[in-house]
Structure formats: structure tokens, C-alpha cells
Protein backbone atom coordinates (compact mmCIF):
# COMPACT_ATOMS: atom_id res chain seq x y z
CA MET A 1 8.09 15.35 7.64
CA ALA A 2 5.37 12.99 6.96
CA GLY A 3 6.01 9.82 4.62
CA TYR A 4 3.60 8.23 2.33
CA TRP A 5 2.93 5.00 0.59
CA VAL A 6 1.67 5.63 -2.86
CA VAL A 7 0.53 2.50 -4.39
CA LYS A 8 -1.35 1.58 -7.74
CA VAL A 9 -2.73 -1.86 -8.09
CA ARG A 10 -4.28 -4.17 -10.56
CA VAL A 11 -5.69 -6.97 -8.63
CA THR A 12 -5.51 -10.49 -10.45
CA ASP A 13 -6.48 -12.80 -7.55
CA ALA A 14 -9.08 -11.17 -5.37
CA ALA A 15 -8.98 -13.87 -2.70
CA ALA A 16 -5.21 -13.95 -2.21
CA TYR A 17 -5.18 -10.00 -2.35
CA GLY A 18 -7.86 -9.93 0.31
CA ALA A 19 -5.57 -11.90 2.72
CA TYR A 20 -2.85 -9.45 1.78
CA ALA A 21 -5.16 -6.52 2.65
CA LYS A 22 -6.03 -7.74 6.05
CA LEU A 23 -2.52 -8.40 7.26
CA ALA A 24 -1.22 -5.27 5.57
CA SER A 25 -3.78 -3.04 7.24
CA GLU A 26 -2.64 -4.73 10.55
CA ALA A 27 1.01 -3.83 9.81
CA VAL A 28 -0.05 -0.28 8.84
CA ALA A 29 -1.96 0.16 12.02
CA LYS A 30 1.01 -1.01 13.91
CA TYR A 31 3.35 1.52 12.56
CA GLY A 32 0.91 4.30 13.05
CA GLY A 33 -0.09 4.59 9.20
CA ARG A 34 -3.32 6.34 8.27
CA PHE A 35 -5.25 5.39 5.12
CA LEU A 36 -6.02 8.56 3.04
CA VAL A 37 -7.03 6.90 -0.09
CA ARG A 38 -8.14 3.17 -0.35
CA GLY A 39 -9.81 2.09 -3.62
CA GLY A 40 -12.63 4.22 -4.75
CA PRO A 41 -13.28 5.84 -8.17
CA ALA A 42 -10.42 7.13 -10.07
CA THR A 43 -9.59 8.73 -13.52
CA THR A 44 -6.08 7.92 -14.74
CA MET A 45 -5.15 11.17 -16.66
CA GLU A 46 -1.74 10.02 -17.92
CA GLY A 47 0.14 6.90 -17.98
CA GLU A 48 -0.80 3.17 -17.12
CA ASP A 49 -3.99 2.69 -15.63
CA PHE A 50 -4.31 0.83 -12.20
CA PRO A 51 -7.81 0.55 -11.28
CA ARG A 52 -6.97 0.43 -7.37
CA ASN A 53 -5.18 3.35 -5.86
CA VAL A 54 -3.88 3.67 -1.94
CA VAL A 55 -2.29 6.43 -0.23
CA ILE A 56 -1.30 5.85 3.40
CA GLU A 57 0.16 8.46 5.53
CA PHE A 58 2.86 7.96 8.16
CA SER A 59 4.57 10.36 10.79
CA SER A 60 7.92 10.21 8.79
CA VAL A 61 9.49 8.67 5.76
CA GLU A 62 11.54 6.47 8.26
CA GLN A 63 8.21 5.20 9.69
CA ALA A 64 7.02 4.34 6.28
CA HIS A 65 10.20 2.53 5.52
CA ALA A 66 9.96 0.74 8.80
CA CYS A 67 6.64 -0.39 8.21
CA TYR A 68 7.49 -1.80 4.64
CA GLY A 69 10.56 -3.69 6.07
CA SER A 70 8.66 -5.18 9.10
CA PRO A 71 8.15 -8.86 9.67
CA GLU A 72 4.30 -7.99 9.69
CA TYR A 73 4.37 -6.40 6.36
CA LYS A 74 6.62 -9.16 4.85
CA GLU A 75 4.06 -11.65 6.00
CA ALA A 76 1.39 -9.58 4.00
CA LEU A 77 3.50 -9.38 1.06
CA ALA A 78 3.93 -13.05 0.90
CA CYS A 79 0.24 -13.51 0.59
CA GLN A 80 -0.01 -11.18 -2.48
CA GLU A 81 2.69 -12.76 -4.54
CA GLY A 82 1.16 -13.33 -8.11
CA ALA A 83 -1.99 -11.74 -6.80
CA ALA A 84 -1.61 -8.28 -8.27
CA ASP A 85 0.57 -6.10 -10.47
CA ARG A 86 1.63 -3.02 -8.42
CA MET A 87 3.51 0.25 -8.43
CA PHE A 88 4.65 1.06 -4.87
CA ALA A 89 6.62 4.23 -3.84
CA VAL A 90 7.60 5.66 -0.47
CA VAL A 91 7.40 9.44 -0.83
CA GLU A 92 8.34 12.15 1.62
CA GLY A 93 5.78 14.96 2.07
CA VAL A 94 6.41 18.73 1.99
């Protein structure tokens, strides 16, 4: 079954987050991820509002976890420390 990254973001430092986004995109591509949602207009119907939403599809939950734990993604994460408030989940598809 497919695995998904579901991420809600409030960017607090656009320059640092831009560096993260570039490196994260490269890691996602290396692990076969495909962006389904990347920003764009959104309406929060319930819960805390995060203005940026991202959904990435991987071939499996294992692949989604492998990308998150990869050296490439860890490098990206280091760039965004303090640059955003996030909610990040790995979810198994149906």
C-alpha cells in the first residue's frame, strides 16, 4: 500500500525554509515520492490553521519512512530548524 507524508506548515523564516524545501524535494525524488499537494489555497475547517499544506505519495509506508530517515532528508531538516512550526505524519493509504 502507498504511504503518504501529510505535513501542515507555518513558515516563520522564508529564506531558511526555502533551503529546506530545495533539499527536501531532492530527497523526496530520490526515494520515489510524488507531490500531490504543495501549498496552494486551503480552508481549515477544524483545528489549528496552518497556511501551508503538503501531501507526498510514496510507493509504500516503508519507503515514506526510509525517506524521512535518510541522510538526505536529515540534511534538509537541519536547514529548517527554527524556520517553521509543523505537524508531520506518515500515513498508510487504503
